[in-house]
N, C-alpha and C. Protein backbone atom coordinates (compact mmCIF):
# COMPACT_ATOMS: atom_id res chain seq x y z
N MET A 1 -8.73 -73.84 7.89
CA MET A 1 -7.72 -73.03 7.25
C MET A 1 -8.42 -72.04 6.30
N ILE A 2 -7.98 -70.79 6.32
CA ILE A 2 -8.55 -69.76 5.47
C ILE A 2 -7.98 -69.94 4.08
N ARG A 3 -8.87 -69.84 3.14
CA ARG A 3 -8.43 -69.99 1.74
C ARG A 3 -7.79 -68.69 1.25
N LEU A 4 -6.96 -68.90 0.29
CA LEU A 4 -6.19 -67.77 -0.30
C LEU A 4 -7.07 -66.72 -0.92
N ARG A 5 -8.16 -67.12 -1.56
CA ARG A 5 -9.01 -66.14 -2.20
C ARG A 5 -9.72 -65.26 -1.17
N TRP A 6 -10.04 -65.80 0.04
CA TRP A 6 -10.61 -64.98 1.09
C TRP A 6 -9.58 -63.96 1.60
N VAL A 7 -8.37 -64.38 1.78
CA VAL A 7 -7.30 -63.48 2.18
C VAL A 7 -7.13 -62.35 1.16
N ALA A 8 -7.14 -62.71 -0.11
CA ALA A 8 -7.00 -61.71 -1.18
C ALA A 8 -8.18 -60.76 -1.17
N LEU A 9 -9.40 -61.29 -0.99
CA LEU A 9 -10.59 -60.48 -0.98
C LEU A 9 -10.58 -59.50 0.21
N ILE A 10 -10.23 -60.02 1.37
CA ILE A 10 -10.20 -59.14 2.57
C ILE A 10 -9.09 -58.11 2.42
N THR A 11 -7.94 -58.48 1.87
CA THR A 11 -6.86 -57.49 1.63
C THR A 11 -7.31 -56.46 0.67
N ALA A 12 -7.95 -56.82 -0.46
CA ALA A 12 -8.41 -55.85 -1.42
C ALA A 12 -9.46 -54.94 -0.80
N GLY A 13 -10.37 -55.52 0.00
CA GLY A 13 -11.38 -54.66 0.66
C GLY A 13 -10.76 -53.66 1.64
N LEU A 14 -9.80 -54.10 2.42
CA LEU A 14 -9.10 -53.20 3.32
C LEU A 14 -8.32 -52.10 2.59
N CYS A 15 -7.70 -52.49 1.49
CA CYS A 15 -6.97 -51.49 0.69
C CYS A 15 -7.97 -50.46 0.13
N PHE A 16 -9.11 -50.97 -0.35
CA PHE A 16 -10.14 -50.06 -0.88
C PHE A 16 -10.61 -49.08 0.21
N LEU A 17 -10.91 -49.63 1.39
CA LEU A 17 -11.35 -48.76 2.48
C LEU A 17 -10.29 -47.74 2.89
N ALA A 18 -9.02 -48.16 2.91
CA ALA A 18 -7.95 -47.23 3.26
C ALA A 18 -7.81 -46.12 2.24
N ILE A 19 -7.92 -46.46 0.98
CA ILE A 19 -7.83 -45.46 -0.10
C ILE A 19 -8.99 -44.48 -0.03
N MET A 20 -10.20 -45.02 0.13
CA MET A 20 -11.38 -44.18 0.19
C MET A 20 -11.37 -43.30 1.46
N GLY A 21 -10.94 -43.86 2.56
CA GLY A 21 -10.87 -43.06 3.81
C GLY A 21 -9.85 -41.94 3.72
N THR A 22 -8.72 -42.22 3.11
CA THR A 22 -7.70 -41.20 2.91
C THR A 22 -8.22 -40.10 1.97
N ALA A 23 -8.86 -40.49 0.89
CA ALA A 23 -9.40 -39.51 -0.06
C ALA A 23 -10.49 -38.65 0.62
N TYR A 24 -11.31 -39.28 1.46
CA TYR A 24 -12.36 -38.57 2.16
C TYR A 24 -11.76 -37.51 3.11
N ILE A 25 -10.78 -37.93 3.87
CA ILE A 25 -10.11 -36.98 4.79
C ILE A 25 -9.44 -35.84 4.06
N LEU A 26 -8.76 -36.15 2.95
CA LEU A 26 -8.11 -35.11 2.19
C LEU A 26 -9.13 -34.11 1.61
N GLU A 27 -10.28 -34.62 1.18
CA GLU A 27 -11.33 -33.75 0.64
C GLU A 27 -11.90 -32.89 1.73
N LEU A 28 -12.09 -33.43 2.95
CA LEU A 28 -12.57 -32.63 4.02
C LEU A 28 -11.62 -31.49 4.38
N ARG A 29 -10.35 -31.78 4.39
CA ARG A 29 -9.35 -30.71 4.61
C ARG A 29 -9.36 -29.64 3.54
N LYS A 30 -9.51 -30.11 2.32
CA LYS A 30 -9.57 -29.14 1.19
C LYS A 30 -10.82 -28.28 1.31
N ILE A 31 -11.97 -28.87 1.71
CA ILE A 31 -13.19 -28.09 1.86
C ILE A 31 -13.02 -27.07 2.98
N GLY A 32 -12.39 -27.45 4.08
CA GLY A 32 -12.18 -26.48 5.18
C GLY A 32 -11.27 -25.35 4.75
N ARG A 33 -10.20 -25.66 4.01
CA ARG A 33 -9.29 -24.64 3.54
C ARG A 33 -9.96 -23.69 2.56
N LEU A 34 -10.76 -24.25 1.66
CA LEU A 34 -11.47 -23.42 0.68
C LEU A 34 -12.52 -22.55 1.37
N GLY A 35 -13.16 -23.11 2.38
CA GLY A 35 -14.16 -22.34 3.20
C GLY A 35 -13.53 -21.13 3.86
N SER A 36 -12.33 -21.32 4.42
CA SER A 36 -11.67 -20.22 5.09
C SER A 36 -11.23 -19.20 4.06
N ILE A 37 -10.79 -19.60 2.90
CA ILE A 37 -10.41 -18.67 1.85
C ILE A 37 -11.62 -17.85 1.38
N VAL A 38 -12.76 -18.53 1.22
CA VAL A 38 -13.96 -17.83 0.83
C VAL A 38 -14.38 -16.82 1.88
N ASP A 39 -14.28 -17.17 3.17
CA ASP A 39 -14.61 -16.23 4.24
C ASP A 39 -13.72 -15.00 4.16
N GLU A 40 -12.41 -15.25 4.01
CA GLU A 40 -11.45 -14.14 3.90
C GLU A 40 -11.75 -13.24 2.73
N ARG A 41 -12.02 -13.80 1.57
CA ARG A 41 -12.33 -13.01 0.39
C ARG A 41 -13.67 -12.26 0.58
N MET A 42 -14.61 -12.85 1.25
CA MET A 42 -15.90 -12.19 1.51
C MET A 42 -15.71 -11.01 2.41
N ASP A 43 -14.88 -11.16 3.44
CA ASP A 43 -14.55 -9.99 4.33
C ASP A 43 -13.91 -8.91 3.54
N ARG A 44 -12.98 -9.23 2.67
CA ARG A 44 -12.29 -8.28 1.87
C ARG A 44 -13.26 -7.58 0.90
N LEU A 45 -14.20 -8.32 0.32
CA LEU A 45 -15.19 -7.78 -0.59
C LEU A 45 -16.12 -6.79 0.15
N VAL A 46 -16.52 -7.17 1.40
CA VAL A 46 -17.37 -6.25 2.16
C VAL A 46 -16.62 -4.99 2.50
N ALA A 47 -15.35 -5.07 2.84
CA ALA A 47 -14.55 -3.87 3.15
C ALA A 47 -14.45 -2.98 1.94
N ILE A 48 -14.17 -3.58 0.79
CA ILE A 48 -14.06 -2.83 -0.45
C ILE A 48 -15.35 -2.18 -0.83
N THR A 49 -16.47 -2.87 -0.61
CA THR A 49 -17.79 -2.36 -0.90
C THR A 49 -18.10 -1.14 -0.03
N ARG A 50 -17.72 -1.23 1.25
CA ARG A 50 -17.89 -0.10 2.14
C ARG A 50 -17.07 1.07 1.69
N ASP A 51 -15.84 0.86 1.33
CA ASP A 51 -14.98 1.98 0.82
C ASP A 51 -15.61 2.61 -0.41
N VAL A 52 -16.08 1.79 -1.33
CA VAL A 52 -16.70 2.33 -2.55
C VAL A 52 -17.90 3.17 -2.22
N GLN A 53 -18.71 2.71 -1.23
CA GLN A 53 -19.90 3.46 -0.82
C GLN A 53 -19.49 4.82 -0.25
N VAL A 54 -18.47 4.81 0.62
CA VAL A 54 -17.97 6.10 1.18
C VAL A 54 -17.50 7.03 0.12
N LEU A 55 -16.72 6.48 -0.86
CA LEU A 55 -16.23 7.32 -1.98
C LEU A 55 -17.37 7.89 -2.84
N LYS A 56 -18.37 7.06 -3.03
CA LYS A 56 -19.55 7.56 -3.81
C LYS A 56 -20.22 8.71 -3.09
N GLU A 57 -20.38 8.55 -1.75
CA GLU A 57 -20.97 9.65 -1.01
C GLU A 57 -20.13 10.91 -1.04
N LYS A 58 -18.80 10.75 -1.01
CA LYS A 58 -17.95 11.91 -1.13
C LYS A 58 -18.08 12.58 -2.49
N ILE A 59 -18.15 11.79 -3.53
CA ILE A 59 -18.30 12.33 -4.87
C ILE A 59 -19.61 13.13 -4.95
N LEU A 60 -20.71 12.56 -4.42
CA LEU A 60 -21.99 13.24 -4.46
C LEU A 60 -21.88 14.55 -3.67
N PHE A 61 -21.20 14.52 -2.53
CA PHE A 61 -21.06 15.74 -1.71
C PHE A 61 -20.24 16.80 -2.41
N TYR A 62 -19.15 16.39 -3.02
CA TYR A 62 -18.26 17.40 -3.66
C TYR A 62 -18.79 17.90 -4.98
N LYS A 63 -19.88 17.33 -5.46
CA LYS A 63 -20.54 17.88 -6.63
C LYS A 63 -21.45 19.05 -6.29
N THR A 64 -21.77 19.19 -5.02
CA THR A 64 -22.65 20.29 -4.59
C THR A 64 -21.81 21.56 -4.39
N PRO A 65 -22.46 22.70 -4.37
CA PRO A 65 -21.67 23.95 -4.08
C PRO A 65 -21.06 23.97 -2.67
N GLU A 66 -21.76 23.39 -1.71
CA GLU A 66 -21.13 23.30 -0.36
C GLU A 66 -19.90 22.44 -0.37
N GLY A 67 -19.93 21.38 -1.14
CA GLY A 67 -18.82 20.49 -1.19
C GLY A 67 -17.60 21.15 -1.89
N VAL A 68 -17.90 21.89 -2.94
CA VAL A 68 -16.80 22.59 -3.65
C VAL A 68 -16.18 23.64 -2.69
N ALA A 69 -17.03 24.35 -1.95
CA ALA A 69 -16.55 25.38 -1.03
C ALA A 69 -15.69 24.76 0.08
N ARG A 70 -16.12 23.60 0.58
CA ARG A 70 -15.34 22.94 1.64
C ARG A 70 -14.02 22.41 1.08
N LEU A 71 -14.04 21.91 -0.14
CA LEU A 71 -12.78 21.42 -0.77
C LEU A 71 -11.83 22.59 -0.96
N ALA A 72 -12.36 23.72 -1.41
CA ALA A 72 -11.49 24.88 -1.62
C ALA A 72 -10.90 25.37 -0.30
N ARG A 73 -11.68 25.29 0.77
CA ARG A 73 -11.18 25.74 2.10
C ARG A 73 -10.11 24.77 2.62
N GLU A 74 -10.36 23.48 2.50
CA GLU A 74 -9.43 22.49 3.09
C GLU A 74 -8.14 22.37 2.29
N GLN A 75 -8.25 22.23 1.00
CA GLN A 75 -7.06 21.95 0.24
C GLN A 75 -6.32 23.15 -0.28
N PHE A 76 -7.04 24.23 -0.55
CA PHE A 76 -6.39 25.40 -1.16
C PHE A 76 -6.40 26.61 -0.24
N ASN A 77 -6.88 26.49 1.00
CA ASN A 77 -6.91 27.55 2.00
C ASN A 77 -7.59 28.82 1.45
N LEU A 78 -8.60 28.64 0.74
CA LEU A 78 -9.37 29.79 0.20
C LEU A 78 -10.42 30.21 1.21
N THR A 79 -10.80 31.49 1.19
CA THR A 79 -11.80 31.97 2.10
C THR A 79 -12.77 32.90 1.32
N TYR A 80 -13.90 33.18 1.96
CA TYR A 80 -14.81 34.15 1.38
C TYR A 80 -14.26 35.53 1.67
N PRO A 81 -14.65 36.52 0.86
CA PRO A 81 -14.17 37.89 1.14
C PRO A 81 -14.62 38.38 2.49
N GLY A 82 -13.70 38.98 3.23
CA GLY A 82 -14.01 39.52 4.52
C GLY A 82 -13.84 38.53 5.67
N GLU A 83 -13.52 37.28 5.42
CA GLU A 83 -13.33 36.30 6.49
C GLU A 83 -11.89 36.43 7.03
N ARG A 84 -11.77 36.11 8.31
CA ARG A 84 -10.48 36.15 8.95
C ARG A 84 -10.05 34.68 9.19
N ILE A 85 -8.73 34.48 9.05
CA ILE A 85 -8.18 33.15 9.31
C ILE A 85 -7.41 33.21 10.63
N PHE A 86 -7.73 32.30 11.50
CA PHE A 86 -7.03 32.22 12.81
C PHE A 86 -6.17 30.94 12.79
N ARG A 87 -4.92 31.11 13.10
CA ARG A 87 -4.02 29.93 13.17
C ARG A 87 -3.75 29.68 14.65
N ILE A 88 -3.98 28.49 15.07
CA ILE A 88 -3.81 28.10 16.45
C ILE A 88 -2.61 27.19 16.53
N GLU A 89 -1.64 27.58 17.34
CA GLU A 89 -0.47 26.76 17.54
C GLU A 89 -0.45 26.27 18.99
N LEU A 90 -0.25 25.05 19.19
CA LEU A 90 -0.16 24.45 20.52
C LEU A 90 1.31 24.32 20.88
N VAL A 91 1.65 24.87 22.03
CA VAL A 91 3.00 24.70 22.53
C VAL A 91 2.92 23.97 23.86
N SER A 92 3.57 22.87 23.91
CA SER A 92 3.52 22.08 25.13
C SER A 92 4.92 21.84 25.70
N GLY A 93 5.03 21.90 26.99
CA GLY A 93 6.33 21.67 27.62
C GLY A 93 6.56 20.18 27.86
N ASP A 94 5.59 19.36 27.51
CA ASP A 94 5.76 17.91 27.70
C ASP A 94 6.76 17.38 26.68
N SER A 95 7.53 16.43 27.12
CA SER A 95 8.43 15.73 26.20
C SER A 95 8.31 14.23 26.43
N LEU A 96 8.73 13.49 25.46
CA LEU A 96 8.68 12.07 25.56
C LEU A 96 9.69 11.55 26.56
N PRO A 97 9.42 10.47 27.29
CA PRO A 97 10.38 9.91 28.20
C PRO A 97 11.64 9.47 27.44
N GLY A 98 12.80 9.85 27.96
CA GLY A 98 14.07 9.42 27.35
C GLY A 98 14.51 10.35 26.22
N VAL A 99 13.68 11.35 25.83
CA VAL A 99 14.02 12.26 24.76
C VAL A 99 14.28 13.59 25.35
N SER A 100 15.48 14.14 25.20
CA SER A 100 15.76 15.44 25.76
C SER A 100 15.65 16.50 24.62
N PRO A 101 15.09 17.66 24.97
CA PRO A 101 14.88 18.71 23.92
C PRO A 101 16.21 19.33 23.50
């Protein structure tokens, strides 16, 4: 016959193993979730860093006389004296399916 103290010891050991196993599984899930969050944030950081680099390059370009001239041409439609401006308009007979003119 098994003694009561052995039953209590085995029960306590199994409870301990169940608690530790559950805690271990929960921690592994948390580590996986945090890892995916870190990867997502790292991707976002890399994208923002690229954007910052592009903007810095634009700032350096627009500080030059060529950059100022290009900005004046693009945004303010300014030209040098004696230049001609040509406006090109595209007229197409194509229409979208289901849309009548």
